[in-house]
N, C-alpha and C. Protein backbone atom coordinates (compact mmCIF):
# COMPACT_ATOMS: atom_id res chain seq x y z
N MET A 1 121.91 33.25 111.21
CA MET A 1 121.27 32.57 110.10
C MET A 1 122.63 31.90 109.28
N PRO A 2 122.28 30.80 108.15
CA PRO A 2 123.29 30.98 107.51
C PRO A 2 123.88 31.48 106.53
N ILE A 3 124.98 32.19 106.46
CA ILE A 3 124.87 33.10 105.32
C ILE A 3 125.36 32.62 103.72
N LEU A 4 125.35 33.34 102.68
CA LEU A 4 125.92 33.37 101.54
C LEU A 4 125.03 31.90 100.94
N GLY A 5 123.73 31.82 101.73
CA GLY A 5 123.10 31.15 101.10
C GLY A 5 123.65 29.13 100.88
N GLU A 6 124.41 29.08 101.33
CA GLU A 6 125.22 27.72 101.48
C GLU A 6 124.96 27.14 102.79
N LYS A 7 124.07 25.77 102.71
CA LYS A 7 123.68 25.21 103.57
C LYS A 7 124.81 24.70 104.55
N GLY A 8 124.63 24.91 105.66
CA GLY A 8 126.44 23.99 106.56
C GLY A 8 127.38 25.10 106.80
N THR A 9 126.84 26.57 106.74
CA THR A 9 127.94 27.58 106.89
C THR A 9 127.20 28.26 107.55
N MET A 10 128.22 29.01 108.41
CA MET A 10 127.53 30.13 109.14
C MET A 10 128.72 30.82 109.71
N GLU A 11 128.56 32.31 110.15
CA GLU A 11 129.63 33.25 110.61
C GLU A 11 129.81 33.06 112.14
N THR A 12 131.11 32.90 112.39
CA THR A 12 131.45 32.58 113.51
C THR A 12 130.67 33.07 114.91
N LYS A 13 130.53 34.28 114.86
CA LYS A 13 129.93 34.98 116.34
C LYS A 13 128.20 34.44 116.07
N GLU A 14 127.73 34.13 114.94
CA GLU A 14 126.50 33.80 115.08
C GLU A 14 126.20 32.47 115.67
N PHE A 15 127.14 31.73 115.26
CA PHE A 15 127.14 30.06 115.48
C PHE A 15 127.42 30.10 116.67
N VAL A 16 128.29 31.15 117.35
CA VAL A 16 128.55 31.38 119.37
C VAL A 16 126.99 31.22 119.82
N LYS A 17 126.79 32.35 119.52
CA LYS A 17 125.42 32.54 119.78
C LYS A 17 124.42 31.75 119.69
N SER A 18 124.27 30.66 118.79
CA SER A 18 123.26 29.80 118.91
C SER A 18 124.05 28.52 119.63
N LEU A 19 125.02 27.97 120.00
CA LEU A 19 125.86 27.30 121.06
C LEU A 19 125.28 27.41 122.23
N LEU A 20 125.21 29.07 122.74
CA LEU A 20 124.77 29.21 123.67
C LEU A 20 123.47 28.98 123.98
N ALA A 21 122.56 29.41 123.20
CA ALA A 21 121.18 29.06 123.32
C ALA A 21 121.19 27.77 123.09
N TYR A 22 121.56 27.00 122.67
CA TYR A 22 121.64 25.43 122.85
C TYR A 22 121.68 24.81 123.93
N GLY A 23 123.16 25.11 124.56
CA GLY A 23 123.71 24.80 126.09
C GLY A 23 122.55 25.33 126.93
N SER A 24 121.84 26.14 126.58
CA SER A 24 120.91 26.96 127.80
C SER A 24 119.84 25.96 128.07
N GLU A 25 119.54 25.76 127.03
CA GLU A 25 117.80 25.23 126.42
C GLU A 25 118.03 23.24 126.42
N LYS A 26 119.07 23.11 126.56
CA LYS A 26 119.35 21.49 126.68
C LYS A 26 120.16 21.32 128.00
N TYR A 27 120.41 21.93 128.44
CA TYR A 27 121.13 21.62 129.65
C TYR A 27 121.44 22.69 131.03
N GLY A 28 120.76 23.39 130.93
CA GLY A 28 120.76 24.70 131.90
C GLY A 28 121.79 25.53 131.41
N LEU A 29 122.80 25.40 130.62
CA LEU A 29 124.12 26.33 130.58
C LEU A 29 124.34 27.65 131.04
N LEU A 30 124.78 27.72 132.17
CA LEU A 30 125.13 29.15 132.54
C LEU A 30 126.63 29.48 131.80
N ASN A 31 126.44 30.88 131.30
CA ASN A 31 127.58 31.31 130.25
C ASN A 31 128.10 32.87 130.98
N ASP A 32 128.04 33.09 131.95
CA ASP A 32 128.45 34.33 132.58
C ASP A 32 130.11 34.08 133.10
N ARG A 33 130.38 33.09 133.21
CA ARG A 33 131.98 32.58 133.17
C ARG A 33 132.44 31.86 132.23
N TRP A 34 133.30 31.25 132.19
CA TRP A 34 134.25 30.42 130.81
C TRP A 34 133.25 28.86 130.93
N VAL A 35 132.89 28.95 129.65
CA VAL A 35 132.47 27.50 129.51
C VAL A 35 133.20 26.67 128.52
N ILE A 36 133.27 25.34 127.86
CA ILE A 36 133.71 25.01 126.86
C ILE A 36 132.81 24.31 126.23
N ILE A 37 132.78 24.33 124.91
CA ILE A 37 131.99 23.83 124.18
C ILE A 37 132.57 23.20 123.13
N GLY A 38 132.11 21.55 122.75
CA GLY A 38 133.10 21.05 122.24
C GLY A 38 132.23 20.35 120.67
N VAL A 39 132.46 20.75 119.47
CA VAL A 39 131.85 20.59 118.23
C VAL A 39 132.39 19.58 117.59
N ARG A 40 131.83 18.60 117.25
CA ARG A 40 132.24 17.67 115.92
C ARG A 40 131.91 18.00 114.73
N GLY A 41 133.24 17.74 113.83
CA GLY A 41 132.76 17.75 112.64
C GLY A 41 132.56 18.91 111.89
N ILE A 42 133.55 20.06 112.34
CA ILE A 42 133.41 21.36 111.85
C ILE A 42 134.55 21.88 111.61
N ASP A 43 134.65 23.09 110.77
CA ASP A 43 136.36 23.49 110.48
C ASP A 43 135.70 25.42 110.50
N PHE A 44 136.85 25.87 110.56
CA PHE A 44 136.29 27.68 111.13
C PHE A 44 137.87 28.16 110.79
N LYS A 45 137.47 29.03 109.61
CA LYS A 45 138.38 29.66 108.79
C LYS A 45 137.72 31.28 108.24
N ASP A 46 138.55 32.16 108.45
CA ASP A 46 138.05 33.34 108.17
C ASP A 46 136.71 34.03 108.76
N GLY A 47 136.54 33.46 109.85
CA GLY A 47 135.06 34.23 110.60
C GLY A 47 133.86 32.97 110.48
N ILE A 48 134.25 32.00 109.57
CA ILE A 48 133.20 31.36 109.10
C ILE A 48 133.34 30.05 109.77
N ILE A 49 132.05 29.43 110.14
CA ILE A 49 131.75 27.93 110.46
C ILE A 49 131.25 27.28 109.64
N LYS A 50 131.70 25.80 109.19
CA LYS A 50 131.08 25.10 108.10
C LYS A 50 131.30 23.49 108.45
N THR A 51 130.38 22.89 108.18
CA THR A 51 130.79 21.21 108.37
C THR A 51 131.90 21.02 107.52
N ASN A 52 132.44 19.37 107.88
CA ASN A 52 133.65 18.99 107.03
C ASN A 52 132.71 17.25 106.91
N ASN A 53 133.48 16.50 106.78
CA ASN A 53 133.21 15.00 106.78
C ASN A 53 133.59 14.05 107.71
N ASP A 54 134.17 14.88 108.97
CA ASP A 54 134.07 14.08 109.96
C ASP A 54 134.94 12.60 110.24
N ALA A 55 136.26 13.11 109.28
CA ALA A 55 136.97 11.66 109.05
C ALA A 55 137.47 11.55 110.54
N ILE A 56 137.88 10.21 110.56
CA ILE A 56 138.22 9.76 111.52
C ILE A 56 140.08 9.86 111.74
N ASN A 57 140.30 10.15 112.66
CA ASN A 57 141.96 10.38 112.82
C ASN A 57 142.22 11.92 112.62
N GLU A 58 141.85 12.82 112.61
CA GLU A 58 141.99 14.25 111.99
C GLU A 58 141.70 15.22 112.93
N TYR A 59 142.58 16.25 113.18
CA TYR A 59 141.89 16.92 113.84
C TYR A 59 141.09 18.39 113.56
N ASN A 60 139.79 17.93 113.00
CA ASN A 60 138.32 18.60 112.38
C ASN A 60 137.16 18.73 113.48
N ASP A 61 137.62 18.87 114.68
CA ASP A 61 136.59 19.20 115.52
C ASP A 61 136.79 20.49 115.99
N VAL A 62 136.27 21.14 116.87
CA VAL A 62 136.67 22.66 117.36
C VAL A 62 136.23 22.75 118.81
N LEU A 63 136.92 23.46 119.32
CA LEU A 63 136.59 23.67 121.41
C LEU A 63 136.44 25.28 121.28
N PHE A 64 134.97 25.67 121.39
CA PHE A 64 135.07 26.93 121.90
C PHE A 64 134.91 27.51 123.31
N LEU A 65 135.61 28.29 123.55
CA LEU A 65 135.88 28.69 125.37
C LEU A 65 134.79 30.07 124.91
N ILE A 66 133.69 30.35 125.77
CA ILE A 66 132.42 31.26 125.99
C ILE A 66 132.13 31.68 126.94
N ARG A 67 131.99 33.06 126.98
CA ARG A 67 131.23 33.63 128.13
C ARG A 67 130.60 34.85 127.99
N THR A 68 129.59 35.51 128.73
CA THR A 68 129.55 36.94 128.43
C THR A 68 129.84 37.49 129.58
N VAL A 69 130.04 38.89 129.67
CA VAL A 69 130.46 39.79 130.59
C VAL A 69 129.80 41.04 130.20
N ASN A 70 128.87 41.52 131.06
CA ASN A 70 128.34 42.55 130.97
C ASN A 70 127.33 42.54 129.86
N GLY A 71 127.20 41.46 129.52
CA GLY A 71 125.88 41.14 128.37
C GLY A 71 126.70 41.32 126.78
N SER A 72 127.91 41.59 127.22
CA SER A 72 128.90 41.66 125.66
C SER A 72 129.57 39.86 125.64
N LEU A 73 129.42 39.48 124.44
CA LEU A 73 129.69 38.18 124.26
C LEU A 73 131.48 38.20 123.70
N GLU A 74 131.97 37.21 124.29
CA GLU A 74 133.25 36.65 124.34
C GLU A 74 133.52 35.59 123.90
N PHE A 75 134.42 35.12 122.91
CA PHE A 75 134.45 34.07 122.70
C PHE A 75 136.35 33.64 122.03
N LYS A 76 136.39 32.36 122.12
CA LYS A 76 138.11 32.01 121.58
C LYS A 76 137.52 30.79 121.03
N VAL A 77 138.57 30.36 119.96
CA VAL A 77 138.28 29.05 118.98
C VAL A 77 139.43 28.30 118.58
N TYR A 78 139.22 26.92 119.11
CA TYR A 78 140.63 26.15 118.91
C TYR A 78 140.51 24.57 117.84
N SER A 79 141.20 24.54 117.05
CA SER A 79 140.66 23.04 116.53
C SER A 79 141.47 22.20 117.38
N CYS A 80 140.57 20.78 117.01
CA CYS A 80 140.94 19.79 118.14
C CYS A 80 140.61 18.62 117.69
N THR A 81 140.73 17.25 118.20
CA THR A 81 139.90 16.06 118.01
C THR A 81 139.24 15.87 119.35
N ILE A 82 137.89 15.32 119.27
CA ILE A 82 137.23 14.73 120.31
C ILE A 82 137.33 13.37 120.38
N ASP A 83 137.85 13.30 119.43
CA ASP A 83 137.62 11.71 118.91
C ASP A 83 139.21 10.59 119.33
N PRO A 84 139.07 9.51 119.62
CA PRO A 84 140.29 8.99 119.67
C PRO A 84 141.11 8.61 118.15
N GLY A 85 142.45 8.52 118.45
CA GLY A 85 142.81 8.16 117.16
C GLY A 85 142.98 6.80 116.85
N ARG A 86 143.40 6.60 115.20
CA ARG A 86 143.34 5.52 114.61
C ARG A 86 144.07 4.25 115.34
N TYR A 87 145.55 4.66 115.83
CA TYR A 87 145.98 3.93 116.55
C TYR A 87 145.59 3.02 117.60
N TRP A 88 144.27 3.96 118.70
CA TRP A 88 144.04 3.19 119.78
C TRP A 88 142.65 2.64 118.91
N LEU A 89 142.34 2.88 118.21
CA LEU A 89 140.90 1.98 117.52
C LEU A 89 141.33 0.68 117.04
N ASN A 90 142.76 0.63 116.58
CA ASN A 90 143.21 -1.08 116.23
C ASN A 90 143.69 -1.30 117.25
N GLN A 91 144.08 -0.91 118.36
CA GLN A 91 144.57 -1.28 119.67
C GLN A 91 144.09 -0.72 121.08
N PRO A 92 142.96 -1.10 121.10
CA PRO A 92 142.34 -0.58 122.67
C PRO A 92 142.91 -0.93 123.85
N MET A 93 142.71 -0.24 124.75
CA MET A 93 143.40 -0.30 126.04
C MET A 93 142.33 -0.98 127.39
N ASN A 94 141.13 -0.47 126.57
CA ASN A 94 140.12 -1.51 127.34
C ASN A 94 139.51 -2.31 126.83
N PRO A 95 139.22 -3.88 127.37
CA PRO A 95 138.72 -4.80 126.41
C PRO A 95 137.87 -4.53 125.74
N ALA A 96 136.82 -3.59 126.19
CA ALA A 96 135.39 -3.09 125.91
C ALA A 96 135.08 -2.54 124.36
N GLY A 97 136.40 -2.04 123.90
CA GLY A 97 136.84 -0.81 122.93
C GLY A 97 137.65 0.28 123.54
N THR A 98 137.64 1.39 122.36
CA THR A 98 138.06 2.15 122.43
C THR A 98 136.78 3.24 122.91
N ALA A 99 137.14 4.34 123.53
CA ALA A 99 136.44 5.08 124.20
C ALA A 99 136.33 6.50 123.24
N ARG A 100 135.32 6.77 123.18
CA ARG A 100 134.76 8.39 122.29
C ARG A 100 133.45 8.75 123.23
N ILE A 101 133.80 10.22 123.88
CA ILE A 101 133.00 10.83 124.92
C ILE A 101 132.04 10.82 124.41
N ALA A 102 130.55 10.49 124.94
CA ALA A 102 129.17 11.03 124.06
C ALA A 102 128.89 12.13 124.14
N GLU A 103 127.77 12.59 123.32
CA GLU A 103 127.04 14.00 123.37
C GLU A 103 126.66 14.14 124.55
N GLY A 104 127.13 15.40 125.44
CA GLY A 104 126.33 15.58 126.83
C GLY A 104 127.16 17.04 127.34
N ILE A 105 126.59 16.78 128.80
CA ILE A 105 127.40 17.94 129.57
C ILE A 105 128.70 17.40 130.76
N TYR A 106 129.23 17.92 130.85
CA TYR A 106 130.30 17.12 131.84
C TYR A 106 131.05 18.22 133.01
N LYS A 107 131.90 18.20 133.86
CA LYS A 107 132.38 18.70 134.49
C LYS A 107 134.05 18.07 134.56
N TYR A 108 135.06 19.28 134.10
CA TYR A 108 136.70 19.03 134.58
C TYR A 108 137.04 19.93 135.40
N LYS A 109 138.20 19.66 135.81
CA LYS A 109 138.85 20.02 136.78
C LYS A 109 140.89 20.60 136.11
N LEU A 110 141.01 21.41 136.85
CA LEU A 110 142.59 21.66 136.72
C LEU A 110 143.10 19.68 137.44
N GLY A 111 144.50 19.76 136.40
CA GLY A 111 144.99 18.44 136.62
C GLY A 111 146.49 18.01 135.52
N MET A 112 146.62 16.90 135.79
CA MET A 112 147.87 16.85 135.05
C MET A 112 147.36 15.27 133.87
N HIS A 113 148.27 15.71 132.83
CA HIS A 113 148.11 14.36 131.79
C HIS A 113 149.57 14.14 131.15
N ARG A 114 150.21 13.20 131.41
CA ARG A 114 151.55 12.64 131.44
C ARG A 114 152.62 13.88 131.84
N GLY A 115 152.47 14.53 133.37
CA GLY A 115 153.36 15.05 133.85
C GLY A 115 153.30 16.47 133.33
N HIS A 116 152.36 16.41 132.43
CA HIS A 116 151.56 18.22 132.19
C HIS A 116 150.30 18.73 132.53
N LYS A 117 150.61 19.97 132.78
CA LYS A 117 149.25 20.33 133.26
C LYS A 117 148.24 20.39 132.07
N ALA A 118 146.81 19.78 132.93
CA ALA A 118 145.89 19.68 131.82
C ALA A 118 144.52 19.63 132.39
N PHE A 119 143.43 18.85 132.16
CA PHE A 119 142.23 18.95 132.60
C PHE A 119 141.77 17.53 132.86
N ASN A 120 141.14 17.11 133.84
CA ASN A 120 141.07 15.93 134.24
C ASN A 120 139.50 16.01 134.63
N GLN A 121 138.67 14.62 134.55
CA GLN A 121 137.11 14.73 135.04
C GLN A 121 137.23 14.98 136.42
N TYR A 122 136.12 15.80 136.73
CA TYR A 122 135.51 15.98 137.77
C TYR A 122 134.56 15.10 138.49
N ALA A 123 133.79 14.81 137.57
CA ALA A 123 132.67 13.77 137.83
C ALA A 123 132.59 12.71 136.21
N LYS A 124 131.91 12.10 136.74
CA LYS A 124 131.55 10.72 135.72
C LYS A 124 131.30 11.72 134.10
N VAL A 125 131.82 10.78 133.02
CA VAL A 125 131.17 10.87 132.00
C VAL A 125 130.94 9.78 131.07
N THR A 126 130.27 9.86 130.13
CA THR A 126 129.65 8.78 129.55
C THR A 126 130.37 8.73 128.08
N VAL A 127 130.54 7.49 127.16
CA VAL A 127 131.40 7.02 126.46
C VAL A 127 130.57 5.95 125.70
N ASN A 128 130.85 5.96 124.41
CA ASN A 128 130.44 5.18 123.53
C ASN A 128 131.93 4.27 123.24
N ARG A 129 131.90 2.81 123.33
CA ARG A 129 133.21 2.02 122.75
C ARG A 129 133.28 1.19 122.08
N TYR A 130 134.02 1.77 120.72
CA TYR A 130 134.47 0.93 120.09
C TYR A 130 135.30 -0.51 119.26
N ALA A 131 134.75 -1.45 118.79
CA ALA A 131 135.60 -2.01 119.06
C ALA A 131 136.54 -2.57 118.10
N PRO A 132 137.66 -3.11 117.75
CA PRO A 132 138.47 -3.04 116.14
C PRO A 132 137.79 -3.58 115.86
N HIS A 133 137.81 -3.14 114.12
CA HIS A 133 137.44 -3.72 112.92
C HIS A 133 137.93 -5.25 112.70
N GLU A 134 137.39 -6.10 112.08
CA GLU A 134 137.51 -7.51 111.90
C GLU A 134 138.50 -7.36 110.50
N ASN A 135 139.23 -8.17 109.91
CA ASN A 135 139.81 -8.56 109.23
C ASN A 135 140.70 -7.09 108.66
N ALA A 136 141.24 -6.42 109.41
CA ALA A 136 141.91 -5.01 109.37
C ALA A 136 141.40 -3.88 108.67
N LYS A 137 139.75 -4.24 108.13
CA LYS A 137 139.13 -3.08 107.67
C LYS A 137 139.46 -2.11 108.04
N PRO A 138 140.28 -0.73 106.98
CA PRO A 138 140.39 0.68 107.48
C PRO A 138 139.07 1.29 108.14
N TRP A 139 139.50 2.70 108.84
CA TRP A 139 138.67 3.24 109.53
C TRP A 139 138.35 4.66 108.61
N PHE A 140 137.18 5.04 108.65
CA PHE A 140 137.11 6.32 107.75
C PHE A 140 136.50 7.24 108.28
N LYS A 141 135.27 7.33 108.22
CA LYS A 141 133.95 8.58 108.87
C LYS A 141 133.58 7.66 109.96
N TRP A 142 133.00 8.77 111.14
CA TRP A 142 132.46 8.47 112.08
C TRP A 142 131.12 8.01 111.76
N LYS A 143 130.13 8.60 110.90
CA LYS A 143 128.98 8.51 110.50
C LYS A 143 129.10 6.81 109.87
N ASP A 144 130.17 6.14 109.56
CA ASP A 144 129.81 4.86 108.97
C ASP A 144 130.30 3.79 110.35
N GLU A 145 130.61 4.07 111.56
CA GLU A 145 130.86 3.32 112.98
C GLU A 145 129.69 3.05 113.58
N SER A 146 129.62 1.92 114.28
CA SER A 146 128.78 1.68 115.37
C SER A 146 129.25 1.59 116.58
N SER A 147 129.20 1.89 117.57
CA SER A 147 130.19 1.58 119.18
C SER A 147 129.16 0.26 119.43
N SER A 148 129.82 -0.47 120.30
CA SER A 148 129.61 -2.00 120.70
C SER A 148 129.24 -1.73 122.14
N VAL A 149 129.35 -0.91 123.21
CA VAL A 149 128.70 -0.67 124.32
C VAL A 149 128.83 0.77 124.66
N THR A 150 128.12 1.22 125.61
CA THR A 150 128.27 2.53 126.11
C THR A 150 128.11 2.50 128.02
N GLN A 151 129.29 3.11 128.56
CA GLN A 151 130.06 3.12 129.72
C GLN A 151 129.86 4.66 130.21
N THR A 152 129.33 4.54 131.55
CA THR A 152 129.53 5.89 132.03
C THR A 152 130.54 5.47 133.45
N GLY A 153 131.27 6.41 133.72
CA GLY A 153 132.21 6.62 134.82
C GLY A 153 134.10 7.04 134.60
N PHE A 154 135.05 6.63 135.50
CA PHE A 154 135.87 7.73 135.72
C PHE A 154 137.31 6.76 134.59
N PHE A 155 137.25 7.42 133.55
CA PHE A 155 138.08 6.70 132.41
C PHE A 155 138.82 7.60 132.11
N ALA A 156 139.76 8.51 132.62
CA ALA A 156 140.56 9.30 132.43
C ALA A 156 140.53 10.35 131.08
N ILE A 157 139.56 10.77 130.73
CA ILE A 157 139.33 10.90 129.40
C ILE A 157 139.25 12.79 129.92
N ASP A 158 140.80 12.91 129.67
CA ASP A 158 141.38 14.32 129.83
C ASP A 158 141.08 15.28 128.57
N ILE A 159 141.42 16.77 129.20
CA ILE A 159 141.50 17.87 127.97
C ILE A 159 143.22 18.22 128.12
N HIS A 160 143.38 17.92 126.83
CA HIS A 160 145.16 18.28 126.72
C HIS A 160 145.73 18.38 125.68
N ALA A 161 147.22 18.85 125.20
CA ALA A 161 147.52 19.14 124.10
C ALA A 161 148.26 17.89 123.41
N LYS A 162 148.72 17.76 121.94
CA LYS A 162 149.08 16.83 121.44
C LYS A 162 150.82 16.76 121.79
N GLY A 163 150.97 15.92 121.85
CA GLY A 163 152.67 15.58 122.36
C GLY A 163 153.63 15.70 120.83
N GLY A 164 153.04 15.97 119.79
CA GLY A 164 154.23 16.09 117.90
C GLY A 164 153.23 16.89 117.85
N SER A 165 153.95 16.92 116.52
CA SER A 165 153.46 18.06 115.40
C SER A 165 152.33 16.98 114.53
N SER A 166 152.71 15.91 114.27
CA SER A 166 151.81 15.08 113.15
C SER A 166 150.22 15.88 113.25
N LYS A 167 149.97 15.84 111.69
CA LYS A 167 148.50 16.27 111.38
C LYS A 167 147.75 15.24 111.49
N PHE A 168 147.66 14.30 111.85
CA PHE A 168 147.42 13.16 112.25
C PHE A 168 147.09 12.46 113.95
N VAL A 169 145.93 12.45 114.46
CA VAL A 169 145.67 11.75 115.45
C VAL A 169 146.64 11.30 116.23
N GLU A 170 146.45 9.46 115.60
CA GLU A 170 147.24 8.31 115.90
C GLU A 170 147.07 8.22 117.47
N MET A 171 148.23 8.22 118.40
CA MET A 171 148.45 8.09 119.15
C MET A 171 148.12 8.93 120.46
N SER A 172 147.93 10.47 119.99
CA SER A 172 147.73 11.48 120.62
C SER A 172 146.48 11.24 121.73
N SER A 173 145.34 10.69 121.08
CA SER A 173 143.96 10.59 121.85
C SER A 173 143.56 9.09 121.82
N ALA A 174 143.42 8.41 123.26
CA ALA A 174 143.38 7.26 123.37
C ALA A 174 141.27 7.57 123.64
N GLY A 175 140.69 8.59 123.55
CA GLY A 175 139.48 9.20 123.98
C GLY A 175 139.50 10.57 124.52
N CYS A 176 140.77 11.00 124.71
CA CYS A 176 140.44 12.75 125.17
C CYS A 176 140.25 13.31 124.08
N THR A 177 139.81 14.71 124.37
CA THR A 177 140.04 16.03 123.83
C THR A 177 141.36 16.25 123.79
N VAL A 178 141.81 16.51 122.09
CA VAL A 178 142.81 17.23 122.21
C VAL A 178 143.34 18.18 121.32
N LEU A 179 143.64 19.45 122.00
CA LEU A 179 143.92 20.42 121.27
C LEU A 179 144.99 19.97 120.28
N ASN A 180 144.63 20.60 118.66
CA ASN A 180 145.71 20.58 117.78
C ASN A 180 146.74 21.50 117.78
N SER A 181 147.69 21.63 118.96
CA SER A 181 148.57 22.21 119.14
C SER A 181 149.47 21.53 120.36
N THR A 182 150.53 21.80 120.31
CA THR A 182 151.38 20.92 121.23
C THR A 182 151.55 21.82 122.47
N TRP A 183 152.14 21.21 123.41
CA TRP A 183 152.12 21.47 124.85
C TRP A 183 152.86 23.33 125.22
N THR A 184 153.76 23.41 124.04
CA THR A 184 154.41 24.72 124.27
C THR A 184 154.04 25.81 122.94
N ASP A 185 153.12 25.35 122.16
CA ASP A 185 152.43 26.48 121.51
C ASP A 185 151.25 27.24 121.94
N ALA A 186 151.42 28.30 121.14
CA ALA A 186 150.38 29.46 121.63
C ALA A 186 149.02 28.95 121.85
N PRO A 187 147.95 28.35 120.95
CA PRO A 187 146.88 27.81 121.24
C PRO A 187 146.95 27.28 122.38
N TRP A 188 147.61 25.90 123.18
CA TRP A 188 146.97 25.52 124.11
C TRP A 188 147.67 26.02 125.27
N LEU A 189 148.72 27.14 125.53
CA LEU A 189 149.17 28.24 126.30
C LEU A 189 148.08 28.89 126.61
N GLU A 190 147.29 29.44 125.83
CA GLU A 190 146.17 30.37 126.04
C GLU A 190 144.94 29.45 126.22
N PHE A 191 144.48 28.51 126.03
CA PHE A 191 143.38 27.89 126.25
C PHE A 191 143.69 27.29 128.13
N TYR A 192 144.89 26.93 127.76
CA TYR A 192 144.95 26.47 129.34
C TYR A 192 145.27 27.39 130.75
N SER A 193 145.66 28.59 130.18
CA SER A 193 146.04 30.10 130.99
C SER A 193 144.93 30.53 131.33
N THR A 194 143.76 30.54 130.05
CA THR A 194 142.09 31.21 130.26
C THR A 194 141.11 30.61 131.17
N ILE A 195 141.50 29.32 131.13
CA ILE A 195 140.56 28.64 131.85
C ILE A 195 141.39 28.83 133.53
N GLU A 196 142.12 28.20 133.95
CA GLU A 196 143.51 28.44 134.91
C GLU A 196 143.08 29.73 135.62
N ALA A 197 142.96 30.83 135.11
CA ALA A 197 142.51 32.11 135.81
C ALA A 197 141.22 32.13 136.05
N ALA A 198 140.38 31.78 135.21
CA ALA A 198 138.88 31.78 135.82
C ALA A 198 138.58 30.83 136.49
N ILE A 199 139.62 29.78 136.91
CA ILE A 199 138.82 28.99 138.13
C ILE A 199 139.70 29.45 139.44
N SER A 200 140.61 30.04 139.63
CA SER A 200 141.59 30.20 140.45
C SER A 200 140.36 31.87 140.91
N ALA A 201 139.86 32.46 139.58
CA ALA A 201 139.39 33.96 140.17
C ALA A 201 138.42 33.80 141.06
N HIS A 202 137.27 32.57 140.59
CA HIS A 202 136.16 32.29 141.53
C HIS A 202 136.01 31.52 141.92
N SER A 203 137.24 31.13 142.51
CA SER A 203 137.12 29.84 143.50
C SER A 203 136.54 28.29 142.69
N GLN A 204 136.54 28.12 141.73
CA GLN A 204 135.47 27.40 141.23
C GLN A 204 136.24 25.65 141.13
N ALA A 205 135.18 24.84 141.27
CA ALA A 205 136.04 23.58 141.50
C ALA A 205 135.94 22.86 140.24
N TYR A 206 135.36 23.18 139.17
CA TYR A 206 135.33 22.90 138.05
C TYR A 206 134.84 24.06 136.73
N ILE A 207 135.22 23.19 135.22
CA ILE A 207 134.53 24.26 134.48
C ILE A 207 133.55 23.24 133.73
N CYS A 208 132.19 23.78 132.86
CA CYS A 208 131.39 23.08 132.29
C CYS A 208 132.18 22.76 130.88
N TYR A 209 131.94 21.39 130.20
CA TYR A 209 132.50 21.03 128.97
C TYR A 209 131.70 20.16 128.52
N CYS A 210 130.60 20.88 127.40
CA CYS A 210 129.87 20.55 126.51
C CYS A 210 130.05 20.06 125.06
N VAL A 211 130.02 18.61 125.06
CA VAL A 211 130.01 18.03 124.10
C VAL A 211 128.96 18.12 122.83
N MET A 212 129.21 18.37 121.49
CA MET A 212 127.80 18.41 120.53
C MET A 212 128.35 17.67 119.26
N ASP A 213 127.78 16.69 119.17
CA ASP A 213 128.03 16.09 117.77
C ASP A 213 127.42 16.60 116.25
N GLN A 214 128.22 16.27 115.53
CA GLN A 214 128.07 16.71 114.11
C GLN A 214 126.61 16.81 113.94
N SER A 215 125.71 15.99 114.08
CA SER A 215 124.28 15.65 113.85
C SER A 215 123.53 16.76 114.46
N SER A 216 123.90 17.50 115.73
CA SER A 216 123.43 18.48 116.26
C SER A 216 123.82 19.72 115.55
N ALA A 217 124.99 19.74 115.41
CA ALA A 217 125.80 21.21 114.64
C ALA A 217 124.93 21.61 113.72
N VAL A 218 124.45 20.51 112.70
CA VAL A 218 123.67 20.71 111.40
C VAL A 218 122.59 21.23 111.38
N THR A 219 121.84 20.63 113.12
CA THR A 219 120.43 21.35 113.14
C THR A 219 120.63 23.30 113.36
N ILE A 220 121.95 23.79 113.75
CA ILE A 220 122.10 25.10 114.03
C ILE A 220 122.33 25.59 112.45
N LEU A 221 123.40 25.01 111.68
CA LEU A 221 123.73 25.23 110.24
C LEU A 221 122.74 25.02 109.11
N SER A 222 122.09 24.58 109.48
CA SER A 222 121.13 24.14 108.40
C SER A 222 120.15 25.21 108.24
């Protein structure tokens, strides 16, 4: 339950338990092996989860790696973006607009991204596409934006590390989920190696990735 009487705030472990319940009830998600749950528009600090303003072009989302072992909950937490950066919103690679992965559950496999080990789509994903703003209107918050079209398919929506040290997303994501960690930083190395080892140990073809919008997270935190 929320702590300190503050709406939109919860102890991380309690939030993770609620995420597992959400995934199980909505998607039949199993957690006896590692699963990835990405949540938009939240921060974690000092063992506390809270909502943020879900601003565009910031690393203000969270990836959770979660499993239960003999009834004991284990989890790891990583800062990330699940959304495209401002650069690609203004200069989309696809004529239909820039992709933003939709809330849902997806399958990911070991793969490559621009010469680095990463995670690629194992199956189709659904994306909402956003057309560039007219008259150079700036991008502020996702809640103020509307998508132009929804598509399902293989769009190279990967999960990977960022290429530089900038605190802003910009070119690092054209729709991919990107950890707020470079390829050689500890968070990415831990995230990748944990999943790689699990996939190898269990001869898994893929790992499940559940994406949750901030609006859904708020129902847990409220």
